[in-house]
Amino acid sequence: MSGQRNNEAGTRRERKYYFYTPTGTETGRYNFELSVEVGFWNRRTKLGYAFDSSTGLMEEYRDNGCRLGWLIDRTGKHAFIYRENGSIDIRQGSTLALSGEDVLPDFTINIDL
């Protein structure tokens, strides 16, 4: 974050910069397969909207009413589960089952990390 002084108003304006690097082929393939599963579920149930990770940051999702989010760290073999109430569940292992809980009824996906 960098700041800039506004001499006339005597205030300080803050700017935030985010840098995103493109994913590699393996991560891109993995993200696509996960998106397909969520997309098929969403088409079948018609219960809401689904977005991919390029839509924003987890904090922005929560601030805008997202009820369930998964952050999958394939390198560290972790999955972080963010819930509407602010709780974060961390799961670890080479194969994990993620549940849609009450937000995505009847949705479960097994992921290989």
PDB file of N, CA and C in Angstrom:
ATOM      1  N   MET A   1       0.847  -1.143   0.000  1.00  0.00           N
ATOM      2  CA  MET A   1       0.000   0.000   0.000  1.00  0.00           C
ATOM      3  C   MET A   1       0.909   1.227   0.000  1.00  0.00           C
ATOM      4  N   SER A   2       0.522   2.247  -0.752  1.00  0.00           N
ATOM      5  CA  SER A   2       1.295   3.474  -0.756  1.00  0.00           C
ATOM      6  C   SER A   2       0.365   4.635  -0.486  1.00  0.00           C
ATOM      7  N   GLY A   3       0.901   5.693   0.082  1.00  0.00           N
ATOM      8  CA  GLY A   3       0.084   6.857   0.388  1.00  0.00           C
ATOM      9  C   GLY A   3       0.500   8.043  -0.463  1.00  0.00           C
ATOM     10  N   GLN A   4      -0.406   9.014  -0.579  1.00  0.00           N
ATOM     11  CA  GLN A   4      -0.137  10.201  -1.356  1.00  0.00           C
ATOM     12  C   GLN A   4      -0.690  11.380  -0.570  1.00  0.00           C
ATOM     13  N   ARG A   5       0.102  12.410  -0.385  1.00  0.00           N
ATOM     14  CA  ARG A   5      -0.318  13.583   0.381  1.00  0.00           C
ATOM     15  C   ARG A   5      -1.067  14.557  -0.519  1.00  0.00           C
ATOM     16  N   ASN A   6      -2.229  14.995  -0.087  1.00  0.00           N
ATOM     17  CA  ASN A   6      -2.998  16.005  -0.787  1.00  0.00           C
ATOM     18  C   ASN A   6      -2.780  17.313  -0.039  1.00  0.00           C
ATOM     19  N   ASN A   7      -1.960  18.219  -0.590  1.00  0.00           N
ATOM     20  CA  ASN A   7      -1.570  19.442   0.112  1.00  0.00           C
ATOM     21  C   ASN A   7      -2.730  20.398   0.354  1.00  0.00           C
ATOM     22  N   GLU A   8      -3.684  20.503  -0.581  1.00  0.00           N
ATOM     23  CA  GLU A   8      -4.791  21.441  -0.421  1.00  0.00           C
ATOM     24  C   GLU A   8      -5.705  21.039   0.726  1.00  0.00           C
ATOM     25  N   ALA A   9      -6.074  19.781   0.779  1.00  0.00           N
ATOM     26  CA  ALA A   9      -7.010  19.338   1.808  1.00  0.00           C
ATOM     27  C   ALA A   9      -6.306  18.933   3.093  1.00  0.00           C
ATOM     28  N   GLY A  10      -5.012  18.709   3.023  1.00  0.00           N
ATOM     29  CA  GLY A  10      -4.280  18.280   4.204  1.00  0.00           C
ATOM     30  C   GLY A  10      -4.637  16.872   4.641  1.00  0.00           C
ATOM     31  N   THR A  11      -5.116  16.070   3.721  1.00  0.00           N
ATOM     32  CA  THR A  11      -5.491  14.694   4.054  1.00  0.00           C
ATOM     33  C   THR A  11      -4.555  13.721   3.360  1.00  0.00           C
ATOM     34  N   ARG A  12      -4.593  12.515   3.800  1.00  0.00           N
ATOM     35  CA  ARG A  12      -3.769  11.468   3.200  1.00  0.00           C
ATOM     36  C   ARG A  12      -4.693  10.466   2.531  1.00  0.00           C
ATOM     37  N   ARG A  13      -4.464  10.182   1.246  1.00  0.00           N
ATOM     38  CA  ARG A  13      -5.241   9.195   0.519  1.00  0.00           C
ATOM     39  C   ARG A  13      -4.440   7.907   0.435  1.00  0.00           C
ATOM     40  N   GLU A  14      -5.084   6.807   0.697  1.00  0.00           N
ATOM     41  CA  GLU A  14      -4.428   5.503   0.625  1.00  0.00           C
ATOM     42  C   GLU A  14      -4.872   4.784  -0.640  1.00  0.00           C
ATOM     43  N   ARG A  15      -3.943   4.101  -1.262  1.00  0.00           N
ATOM     44  CA  ARG A  15      -4.236   3.299  -2.442  1.00  0.00           C
ATOM     45  C   ARG A  15      -3.769   1.876  -2.180  1.00  0.00           C
ATOM     46  N   LYS A  16      -4.569   0.934  -2.638  1.00  0.00           N
ATOM     47  CA  LYS A  16      -4.202  -0.468  -2.521  1.00  0.00           C
ATOM     48  C   LYS A  16      -3.890  -1.006  -3.900  1.00  0.00           C
ATOM     49  N   TYR A  17      -2.837  -1.799  -3.977  1.00  0.00           N
ATOM     50  CA  TYR A  17      -2.454  -2.420  -5.237  1.00  0.00           C
ATOM     51  C   TYR A  17      -2.441  -3.932  -5.049  1.00  0.00           C
ATOM     52  N   TYR A  18      -3.065  -4.639  -5.980  1.00  0.00           N
ATOM     53  CA  TYR A  18      -3.068  -6.084  -5.955  1.00  0.00           C
ATOM     54  C   TYR A  18      -2.408  -6.578  -7.239  1.00  0.00           C
ATOM     55  N   PHE A  19      -1.516  -7.524  -7.099  1.00  0.00           N
ATOM     56  CA  PHE A  19      -0.848  -8.105  -8.254  1.00  0.00           C
ATOM     57  C   PHE A  19      -1.184  -9.582  -8.316  1.00  0.00           C
ATOM     58  N   TYR A  20      -1.655 -10.016  -9.467  1.00  0.00           N
ATOM     59  CA  TYR A  20      -2.023 -11.410  -9.658  1.00  0.00           C
ATOM     60  C   TYR A  20      -1.180 -11.986 -10.785  1.00  0.00           C
ATOM     61  N   THR A  21      -0.617 -13.130 -10.533  1.00  0.00           N
ATOM     62  CA  THR A  21       0.117 -13.800 -11.596  1.00  0.00           C
ATOM     63  C   THR A  21      -0.790 -14.856 -12.216  1.00  0.00           C
ATOM     64  N   PRO A  22      -0.641 -15.092 -13.509  1.00  0.00           N
ATOM     65  CA  PRO A  22      -1.472 -16.131 -14.129  1.00  0.00           C
ATOM     66  C   PRO A  22      -1.116 -17.508 -13.573  1.00  0.00           C
ATOM     67  N   THR A  23      -2.101 -18.379 -13.568  1.00  0.00           N
ATOM     68  CA  THR A  23      -1.843 -19.734 -13.092  1.00  0.00           C
ATOM     69  C   THR A  23      -1.105 -20.515 -14.169  1.00  0.00           C
ATOM     70  N   GLY A  24      -0.448 -21.557 -13.761  1.00  0.00           N
ATOM     71  CA  GLY A  24       0.198 -22.462 -14.710  1.00  0.00           C
ATOM     72  C   GLY A  24      -0.814 -23.464 -15.241  1.00  0.00           C
ATOM     73  N   THR A  25      -0.362 -24.352 -16.099  1.00  0.00           N
ATOM     74  CA  THR A  25      -1.282 -25.299 -16.729  1.00  0.00           C
ATOM     75  C   THR A  25      -1.908 -26.256 -15.719  1.00  0.00           C
ATOM     76  N   GLU A  26      -1.144 -26.731 -14.761  1.00  0.00           N
ATOM     77  CA  GLU A  26      -1.686 -27.692 -13.793  1.00  0.00           C
ATOM     78  C   GLU A  26      -2.749 -27.042 -12.901  1.00  0.00           C
ATOM     79  N   THR A  27      -2.469 -25.842 -12.410  1.00  0.00           N
ATOM     80  CA  THR A  27      -3.447 -25.134 -11.584  1.00  0.00           C
ATOM     81  C   THR A  27      -4.667 -24.742 -12.406  1.00  0.00           C
ATOM     82  N   GLY A  28      -4.451 -24.294 -13.629  1.00  0.00           N
ATOM     83  CA  GLY A  28      -5.564 -23.946 -14.502  1.00  0.00           C
ATOM     84  C   GLY A  28      -6.479 -25.127 -14.761  1.00  0.00           C
ATOM     85  N   ARG A  29      -5.890 -26.300 -15.000  1.00  0.00           N
ATOM     86  CA  ARG A  29      -6.676 -27.516 -15.218  1.00  0.00           C
ATOM     87  C   ARG A  29      -7.459 -27.872 -13.959  1.00  0.00           C
ATOM     88  N   TYR A  30      -6.796 -27.802 -12.828  1.00  0.00           N
ATOM     89  CA  TYR A  30      -7.419 -28.128 -11.545  1.00  0.00           C
ATOM     90  C   TYR A  30      -8.595 -27.191 -11.270  1.00  0.00           C
ATOM     91  N   ASN A  31      -8.382 -25.884 -11.440  1.00  0.00           N
ATOM     92  CA  ASN A  31      -9.438 -24.898 -11.206  1.00  0.00           C
ATOM     93  C   ASN A  31     -10.619 -25.125 -12.144  1.00  0.00           C
ATOM     94  N   PHE A  32     -10.325 -25.450 -13.392  1.00  0.00           N
ATOM     95  CA  PHE A  32     -11.381 -25.693 -14.369  1.00  0.00           C
ATOM     96  C   PHE A  32     -12.243 -26.880 -13.952  1.00  0.00           C
ATOM     97  N   GLU A  33     -11.620 -27.978 -13.558  1.00  0.00           N
ATOM     98  CA  GLU A  33     -12.374 -29.173 -13.161  1.00  0.00           C
ATOM     99  C   GLU A  33     -13.258 -28.887 -11.952  1.00  0.00           C
ATOM    100  N   LEU A  34     -12.744 -28.144 -10.996  1.00  0.00           N
ATOM    101  CA  LEU A  34     -13.542 -27.790  -9.820  1.00  0.00           C
ATOM    102  C   LEU A  34     -14.710 -26.887 -10.229  1.00  0.00           C
ATOM    103  N   SER A  35     -14.447 -25.934 -11.113  1.00  0.00           N
ATOM    104  CA  SER A  35     -15.501 -25.034 -11.586  1.00  0.00           C
ATOM    105  C   SER A  35     -16.589 -25.793 -12.339  1.00  0.00           C
ATOM    106  N   VAL A  36     -16.196 -26.780 -13.129  1.00  0.00           N
ATOM    107  CA  VAL A  36     -17.174 -27.582 -13.867  1.00  0.00           C
ATOM    108  C   VAL A  36     -18.116 -28.292 -12.896  1.00  0.00           C
ATOM    109  N   GLU A  37     -17.563 -28.894 -11.847  1.00  0.00           N
ATOM    110  CA  GLU A  37     -18.397 -29.606 -10.867  1.00  0.00           C
ATOM    111  C   GLU A  37     -19.388 -28.660 -10.195  1.00  0.00           C
ATOM    112  N   VAL A  38     -18.899 -27.502  -9.769  1.00  0.00           N
ATOM    113  CA  VAL A  38     -19.788 -26.527  -9.130  1.00  0.00           C
ATOM    114  C   VAL A  38     -20.816 -26.025 -10.149  1.00  0.00           C
ATOM    115  N   GLY A  39     -20.385 -25.784 -11.371  1.00  0.00           N
ATOM    116  CA  GLY A  39     -21.288 -25.314 -12.417  1.00  0.00           C
ATOM    117  C   GLY A  39     -22.396 -26.296 -12.728  1.00  0.00           C
ATOM    118  N   PHE A  40     -22.070 -27.581 -12.831  1.00  0.00           N
ATOM    119  CA  PHE A  40     -23.098 -28.597 -13.079  1.00  0.00           C
ATOM    120  C   PHE A  40     -24.101 -28.647 -11.925  1.00  0.00           C
ATOM    121  N   TRP A  41     -23.583 -28.612 -10.690  1.00  0.00           N
ATOM    122  CA  TRP A  41     -24.469 -28.603  -9.530  1.00  0.00           C
ATOM    123  C   TRP A  41     -25.393 -27.386  -9.590  1.00  0.00           C
ATOM    124  N   ASN A  42     -24.824 -26.225  -9.910  1.00  0.00           N
ATOM    125  CA  ASN A  42     -25.602 -24.988  -9.926  1.00  0.00           C
ATOM    126  C   ASN A  42     -26.669 -25.003 -11.023  1.00  0.00           C
ATOM    127  N   ARG A  43     -26.354 -25.560 -12.167  1.00  0.00           N
ATOM    128  CA  ARG A  43     -27.347 -25.664 -13.238  1.00  0.00           C
ATOM    129  C   ARG A  43     -28.502 -26.583 -12.828  1.00  0.00           C
ATOM    130  N   ARG A  44     -28.164 -27.661 -12.141  1.00  0.00           N
ATOM    131  CA  ARG A  44     -29.177 -28.633 -11.734  1.00  0.00           C
ATOM    132  C   ARG A  44     -30.099 -28.063 -10.662  1.00  0.00           C
ATOM    133  N   THR A  45     -29.529 -27.370  -9.669  1.00  0.00           N
ATOM    134  CA  THR A  45     -30.322 -26.914  -8.527  1.00  0.00           C
ATOM    135  C   THR A  45     -30.929 -25.525  -8.716  1.00  0.00           C
ATOM    136  N   LYS A  46     -30.277 -24.699  -9.541  1.00  0.00           N
ATOM    137  CA  LYS A  46     -30.745 -23.319  -9.767  1.00  0.00           C
ATOM    138  C   LYS A  46     -30.952 -22.564  -8.447  1.00  0.00           C
ATOM    139  N   LEU A  47     -30.011 -22.721  -7.524  1.00  0.00           N
ATOM    140  CA  LEU A  47     -30.151 -22.096  -6.212  1.00  0.00           C
ATOM    141  C   LEU A  47     -29.376 -20.784  -6.051  1.00  0.00           C
ATOM    142  N   GLY A  48     -28.588 -20.399  -7.039  1.00  0.00           N
ATOM    143  CA  GLY A  48     -27.830 -19.164  -6.865  1.00  0.00           C
ATOM    144  C   GLY A  48     -26.821 -18.962  -7.964  1.00  0.00           C
ATOM    145  N   TYR A  49     -25.757 -18.266  -7.621  1.00  0.00           N
ATOM    146  CA  TYR A  49     -24.706 -17.932  -8.563  1.00  0.00           C
ATOM    147  C   TYR A  49     -23.382 -18.512  -8.090  1.00  0.00           C
ATOM    148  N   ALA A  50     -22.521 -18.832  -9.029  1.00  0.00           N
ATOM    149  CA  ALA A  50     -21.185 -19.329  -8.705  1.00  0.00           C
ATOM    150  C   ALA A  50     -20.165 -18.467  -9.434  1.00  0.00           C
ATOM    151  N   PHE A  51     -19.034 -18.211  -8.798  1.00  0.00           N
ATOM    152  CA  PHE A  51     -17.979 -17.388  -9.371  1.00  0.00           C
ATOM    153  C   PHE A  51     -16.649 -18.091  -9.223  1.00  0.00           C
ATOM    154  N   ASP A  52     -15.724 -17.814 -10.130  1.00  0.00           N
ATOM    155  CA  ASP A  52     -14.387 -18.394  -9.985  1.00  0.00           C
ATOM    156  C   ASP A  52     -13.501 -17.462  -9.168  1.00  0.00           C
ATOM    157  N   SER A  53     -12.290 -17.919  -8.887  1.00  0.00           N
ATOM    158  CA  SER A  53     -11.403 -17.199  -7.986  1.00  0.00           C
ATOM    159  C   SER A  53     -10.915 -15.869  -8.548  1.00  0.00           C
ATOM    160  N   SER A  54     -11.040 -15.630  -9.836  1.00  0.00           N
ATOM    161  CA  SER A  54     -10.575 -14.361 -10.393  1.00  0.00           C
ATOM    162  C   SER A  54     -11.552 -13.224 -10.112  1.00  0.00           C
ATOM    163  N   THR A  55     -12.668 -13.528  -9.477  1.00  0.00           N
ATOM    164  CA  THR A  55     -13.700 -12.525  -9.213  1.00  0.00           C
ATOM    165  C   THR A  55     -13.321 -11.587  -8.074  1.00  0.00           C
ATOM    166  N   GLY A  56     -12.474 -12.000  -7.146  1.00  0.00           N
ATOM    167  CA  GLY A  56     -12.114 -11.120  -6.043  1.00  0.00           C
ATOM    168  C   GLY A  56     -11.356 -11.847  -4.963  1.00  0.00           C
ATOM    169  N   LEU A  57     -11.253 -11.208  -3.832  1.00  0.00           N
ATOM    170  CA  LEU A  57     -10.537 -11.757  -2.682  1.00  0.00           C
ATOM    171  C   LEU A  57     -11.531 -12.284  -1.663  1.00  0.00           C
ATOM    172  N   MET A  58     -11.085 -13.221  -0.849  1.00  0.00           N
ATOM    173  CA  MET A  58     -11.982 -13.867   0.115  1.00  0.00           C
ATOM    174  C   MET A  58     -12.639 -12.843   1.042  1.00  0.00           C
ATOM    175  N   GLU A  59     -11.906 -11.825   1.470  1.00  0.00           N
ATOM    176  CA  GLU A  59     -12.487 -10.806   2.340  1.00  0.00           C
ATOM    177  C   GLU A  59     -13.632 -10.083   1.635  1.00  0.00           C
ATOM    178  N   GLU A  60     -13.464  -9.805   0.335  1.00  0.00           N
ATOM    179  CA  GLU A  60     -14.522  -9.140  -0.421  1.00  0.00           C
ATOM    180  C   GLU A  60     -15.747 -10.041  -0.535  1.00  0.00           C
ATOM    181  N   TYR A  61     -15.525 -11.322  -0.741  1.00  0.00           N
ATOM    182  CA  TYR A  61     -16.651 -12.255  -0.806  1.00  0.00           C
ATOM    183  C   TYR A  61     -17.449 -12.206   0.498  1.00  0.00           C
ATOM    184  N   ARG A  62     -16.754 -12.323   1.624  1.00  0.00           N
ATOM    185  CA  ARG A  62     -17.436 -12.330   2.917  1.00  0.00           C
ATOM    186  C   ARG A  62     -18.145 -11.008   3.174  1.00  0.00           C
ATOM    187  N   ASP A  63     -17.483  -9.896   2.852  1.00  0.00           N
ATOM    188  CA  ASP A  63     -18.089  -8.582   3.067  1.00  0.00           C
ATOM    189  C   ASP A  63     -19.351  -8.390   2.240  1.00  0.00           C
ATOM    190  N   ASN A  64     -19.467  -9.118   1.137  1.00  0.00           N
ATOM    191  CA  ASN A  64     -20.629  -8.984   0.259  1.00  0.00           C
ATOM    192  C   ASN A  64     -21.650 -10.105   0.444  1.00  0.00           C
ATOM    193  N   GLY A  65     -21.542 -10.839   1.549  1.00  0.00           N
ATOM    194  CA  GLY A  65     -22.574 -11.800   1.903  1.00  0.00           C
ATOM    195  C   GLY A  65     -22.327 -13.237   1.481  1.00  0.00           C
ATOM    196  N   CYS A  66     -21.116 -13.575   1.051  1.00  0.00           N
ATOM    197  CA  CYS A  66     -20.828 -14.957   0.691  1.00  0.00           C
ATOM    198  C   CYS A  66     -20.971 -15.833   1.939  1.00  0.00           C
ATOM    199  N   ARG A  67     -21.665 -16.936   1.806  1.00  0.00           N
ATOM    200  CA  ARG A  67     -21.946 -17.800   2.954  1.00  0.00           C
ATOM    201  C   ARG A  67     -20.961 -18.938   3.127  1.00  0.00           C
ATOM    202  N   LEU A  68     -20.255 -19.320   2.045  1.00  0.00           N
ATOM    203  CA  LEU A  68     -19.310 -20.428   2.129  1.00  0.00           C
ATOM    204  C   LEU A  68     -18.218 -20.216   1.081  1.00  0.00           C
ATOM    205  N   GLY A  69     -16.980 -20.340   1.481  1.00  0.00           N
ATOM    206  CA  GLY A  69     -15.867 -20.216   0.539  1.00  0.00           C
ATOM    207  C   GLY A  69     -14.798 -21.234   0.842  1.00  0.00           C
ATOM    208  N   TRP A  70     -14.193 -21.748  -0.215  1.00  0.00           N
ATOM    209  CA  TRP A  70     -13.082 -22.691  -0.061  1.00  0.00           C
ATOM    210  C   TRP A  70     -11.852 -22.078  -0.677  1.00  0.00           C
ATOM    211  N   LEU A  71     -10.771 -22.052   0.082  1.00  0.00           N
ATOM    212  CA  LEU A  71      -9.467 -21.652  -0.428  1.00  0.00           C
ATOM    213  C   LEU A  71      -8.594 -22.904  -0.386  1.00  0.00           C
ATOM    214  N   ILE A  72      -8.216 -23.386  -1.555  1.00  0.00           N
ATOM    215  CA  ILE A  72      -7.495 -24.654  -1.647  1.00  0.00           C
ATOM    216  C   ILE A  72      -6.029 -24.380  -1.928  1.00  0.00           C
ATOM    217  N   ASP A  73      -5.184 -24.810  -1.008  1.00  0.00           N
ATOM    218  CA  ASP A  73      -3.731 -24.663  -1.131  1.00  0.00           C
ATOM    219  C   ASP A  73      -3.163 -26.032  -1.492  1.00  0.00           C
ATOM    220  N   ARG A  74      -2.954 -26.254  -2.774  1.00  0.00           N
ATOM    221  CA  ARG A  74      -2.495 -27.564  -3.226  1.00  0.00           C
ATOM    222  C   ARG A  74      -1.054 -27.820  -2.813  1.00  0.00           C
ATOM    223  N   THR A  75      -0.229 -26.794  -2.772  1.00  0.00           N
ATOM    224  CA  THR A  75       1.171 -26.979  -2.387  1.00  0.00           C
ATOM    225  C   THR A  75       1.280 -27.412  -0.927  1.00  0.00           C
ATOM    226  N   GLY A  76       0.565 -26.724  -0.048  1.00  0.00           N
ATOM    227  CA  GLY A  76       0.588 -27.049   1.376  1.00  0.00           C
ATOM    228  C   GLY A  76      -0.362 -28.162   1.767  1.00  0.00           C
ATOM    229  N   LYS A  77      -1.159 -28.641   0.790  1.00  0.00           N
ATOM    230  CA  LYS A  77      -2.146 -29.702   1.027  1.00  0.00           C
ATOM    231  C   LYS A  77      -3.119 -29.328   2.140  1.00  0.00           C
ATOM    232  N   HIS A  78      -3.680 -28.105   2.013  1.00  0.00           N
ATOM    233  CA  HIS A  78      -4.662 -27.594   2.959  1.00  0.00           C
ATOM    234  C   HIS A  78      -5.888 -27.091   2.199  1.00  0.00           C
ATOM    235  N   ALA A  79      -7.017 -27.120   2.856  1.00  0.00           N
ATOM    236  CA  ALA A  79      -8.216 -26.439   2.373  1.00  0.00           C
ATOM    237  C   ALA A  79      -8.740 -25.601   3.535  1.00  0.00           C
ATOM    238  N   PHE A  80      -8.957 -24.326   3.262  1.00  0.00           N
ATOM    239  CA  PHE A  80      -9.485 -23.406   4.251  1.00  0.00           C
ATOM    240  C   PHE A  80     -10.959 -23.197   3.912  1.00  0.00           C
ATOM    241  N   ILE A  81     -11.824 -23.431   4.875  1.00  0.00           N
ATOM    242  CA  ILE A  81     -13.259 -23.311   4.654  1.00  0.00           C
ATOM    243  C   ILE A  81     -13.747 -22.093   5.436  1.00  0.00           C
ATOM    244  N   TYR A  82     -14.178 -21.079   4.694  1.00  0.00           N
ATOM    245  CA  TYR A  82     -14.667 -19.837   5.280  1.00  0.00           C
ATOM    246  C   TYR A  82     -16.184 -19.884   5.333  1.00  0.00           C
ATOM    247  N   ARG A  83     -16.725 -19.557   6.508  1.00  0.00           N
ATOM    248  CA  ARG A  83     -18.172 -19.601   6.682  1.00  0.00           C
ATOM    249  C   ARG A  83     -18.725 -18.218   6.997  1.00  0.00           C
ATOM    250  N   GLU A  84     -20.010 -18.085   6.787  1.00  0.00           N
ATOM    251  CA  GLU A  84     -20.721 -16.825   6.968  1.00  0.00           C
ATOM    252  C   GLU A  84     -20.532 -16.241   8.369  1.00  0.00           C
ATOM    253  N   ASN A  85     -20.449 -17.101   9.372  1.00  0.00           N
ATOM    254  CA  ASN A  85     -20.313 -16.636  10.753  1.00  0.00           C
ATOM    255  C   ASN A  85     -18.890 -16.188  11.105  1.00  0.00           C
ATOM    256  N   GLY A  86     -17.977 -16.229  10.115  1.00  0.00           N
ATOM    257  CA  GLY A  86     -16.602 -15.794  10.341  1.00  0.00           C
ATOM    258  C   GLY A  86     -15.653 -16.921  10.720  1.00  0.00           C
ATOM    259  N   SER A  87     -16.170 -18.109  10.955  1.00  0.00           N
ATOM    260  CA  SER A  87     -15.295 -19.221  11.323  1.00  0.00           C
ATOM    261  C   SER A  87     -14.514 -19.708  10.108  1.00  0.00           C
ATOM    262  N   ILE A  88     -13.332 -20.202  10.374  1.00  0.00           N
ATOM    263  CA  ILE A  88     -12.469 -20.761   9.334  1.00  0.00           C
ATOM    264  C   ILE A  88     -12.037 -22.142   9.798  1.00  0.00           C
ATOM    265  N   ASP A  89     -12.361 -23.142   9.000  1.00  0.00           N
ATOM    266  CA  ASP A  89     -11.985 -24.528   9.282  1.00  0.00           C
ATOM    267  C   ASP A  89     -10.825 -24.865   8.348  1.00  0.00           C
ATOM    268  N   ILE A  90      -9.770 -25.443   8.885  1.00  0.00           N
ATOM    269  CA  ILE A  90      -8.613 -25.822   8.071  1.00  0.00           C
ATOM    270  C   ILE A  90      -8.531 -27.329   8.040  1.00  0.00           C
ATOM    271  N   ARG A  91      -8.550 -27.880   6.834  1.00  0.00           N
ATOM    272  CA  ARG A  91      -8.420 -29.329   6.655  1.00  0.00           C
ATOM    273  C   ARG A  91      -7.117 -29.608   5.941  1.00  0.00           C
ATOM    274  N   GLN A  92      -6.508 -30.738   6.282  1.00  0.00           N
ATOM    275  CA  GLN A  92      -5.216 -31.090   5.699  1.00  0.00           C
ATOM    276  C   GLN A  92      -5.224 -32.538   5.259  1.00  0.00           C
ATOM    277  N   GLY A  93      -4.552 -32.813   4.147  1.00  0.00           N
ATOM    278  CA  GLY A  93      -4.432 -34.176   3.664  1.00  0.00           C
ATOM    279  C   GLY A  93      -4.242 -34.201   2.158  1.00  0.00           C
ATOM    280  N   SER A  94      -3.872 -35.344   1.641  1.00  0.00           N
ATOM    281  CA  SER A  94      -3.657 -35.447   0.193  1.00  0.00           C
ATOM    282  C   SER A  94      -4.965 -35.631  -0.563  1.00  0.00           C
ATOM    283  N   THR A  95      -6.016 -36.109   0.110  1.00  0.00           N
ATOM    284  CA  THR A  95      -7.350 -36.214  -0.475  1.00  0.00           C
ATOM    285  C   THR A  95      -8.352 -35.693   0.545  1.00  0.00           C
ATOM    286  N   LEU A  96      -9.181 -34.765   0.121  1.00  0.00           N
ATOM    287  CA  LEU A  96     -10.162 -34.167   1.024  1.00  0.00           C
ATOM    288  C   LEU A  96     -11.540 -34.199   0.399  1.00  0.00           C
ATOM    289  N   ALA A  97     -12.547 -34.328   1.234  1.00  0.00           N
ATOM    290  CA  ALA A  97     -13.936 -34.211   0.787  1.00  0.00           C
ATOM    291  C   ALA A  97     -14.454 -32.869   1.277  1.00  0.00           C
ATOM    292  N   LEU A  98     -14.927 -32.052   0.343  1.00  0.00           N
ATOM    293  CA  LEU A  98     -15.503 -30.767   0.698  1.00  0.00           C
ATOM    294  C   LEU A  98     -17.010 -30.845   0.509  1.00  0.00           C
ATOM    295  N   SER A  99     -17.726 -30.359   1.501  1.00  0.00           N
ATOM    296  CA  SER A  99     -19.181 -30.398   1.477  1.00  0.00           C
ATOM    297  C   SER A  99     -19.716 -28.997   1.237  1.00  0.00           C
ATOM    298  N   GLY A 100     -20.814 -28.930   0.515  1.00  0.00           N
ATOM    299  CA  GLY A 100     -21.492 -27.661   0.319  1.00  0.00           C
ATOM    300  C   GLY A 100     -22.308 -27.239   1.529  1.00  0.00           C
ATOM    301  N   GLU A 101     -22.351 -28.094   2.527  1.00  0.00           N
ATOM    302  CA  GLU A 101     -23.070 -27.851   3.776  1.00  0.00           C
ATOM    303  C   GLU A 101     -24.506 -27.431   3.468  1.00  0.00           C
ATOM    304  N   ASP A 102     -25.047 -26.474   4.196  1.00  0.00           N
ATOM    305  CA  ASP A 102     -26.425 -26.049   3.939  1.00  0.00           C
ATOM    306  C   ASP A 102     -26.509 -24.996   2.837  1.00  0.00           C
ATOM    307  N   VAL A 103     -25.355 -24.520   2.375  1.00  0.00           N
ATOM    308  CA  VAL A 103     -25.314 -23.506   1.320  1.00  0.00           C
ATOM    309  C   VAL A 103     -25.475 -24.139  -0.064  1.00  0.00           C
ATOM    310  N   LEU A 104     -24.817 -25.265  -0.286  1.00  0.00           N
ATOM    311  CA  LEU A 104     -24.902 -26.018  -1.541  1.00  0.00           C
ATOM    312  C   LEU A 104     -25.432 -27.412  -1.198  1.00  0.00           C
ATOM    313  N   PRO A 105     -26.727 -27.533  -0.988  1.00  0.00           N
ATOM    314  CA  PRO A 105     -27.287 -28.811  -0.544  1.00  0.00           C
ATOM    315  C   PRO A 105     -26.963 -29.947  -1.510  1.00  0.00           C
ATOM    316  N   ASP A 106     -26.599 -31.070  -0.948  1.00  0.00           N
ATOM    317  CA  ASP A 106     -26.296 -32.284  -1.708  1.00  0.00           C
ATOM    318  C   ASP A 106     -25.055 -32.163  -2.586  1.00  0.00           C
ATOM    319  N   PHE A 107     -24.205 -31.164  -2.329  1.00  0.00           N
ATOM    320  CA  PHE A 107     -22.973 -31.044  -3.105  1.00  0.00           C
ATOM    321  C   PHE A 107     -21.797 -31.479  -2.244  1.00  0.00           C
ATOM    322  N   THR A 108     -21.051 -32.447  -2.735  1.00  0.00           N
ATOM    323  CA  THR A 108     -19.813 -32.894  -2.100  1.00  0.00           C
ATOM    324  C   THR A 108     -18.827 -33.167  -3.226  1.00  0.00           C
ATOM    325  N   ILE A 109     -17.585 -32.778  -3.009  1.00  0.00           N
ATOM    326  CA  ILE A 109     -16.555 -33.049  -3.998  1.00  0.00           C
ATOM    327  C   ILE A 109     -15.318 -33.577  -3.291  1.00  0.00           C
ATOM    328  N   ASN A 110     -14.736 -34.606  -3.847  1.00  0.00           N
ATOM    329  CA  ASN A 110     -13.473 -35.151  -3.354  1.00  0.00           C
ATOM    330  C   ASN A 110     -12.360 -34.524  -4.189  1.00  0.00           C
ATOM    331  N   ILE A 111     -11.392 -33.927  -3.502  1.00  0.00           N
ATOM    332  CA  ILE A 111     -10.291 -33.281  -4.221  1.00  0.00           C
ATOM    333  C   ILE A 111      -8.977 -33.949  -3.862  1.00  0.00           C
ATOM    334  N   ASP A 112      -8.146 -34.141  -4.853  1.00  0.00           N
ATOM    335  CA  ASP A 112      -6.798 -34.669  -4.658  1.00  0.00           C
ATOM    336  C   ASP A 112      -5.832 -33.496  -4.640  1.00  0.00           C
ATOM    337  N   LEU A 113      -5.085 -33.420  -3.569  1.00  0.00           N
ATOM    338  CA  LEU A 113      -4.115 -32.343  -3.456  1.00  0.00           C
ATOM    339  C   LEU A 113      -2.749 -32.903  -3.760  1.00  0.00           C
TER     340      LEU A 113
END
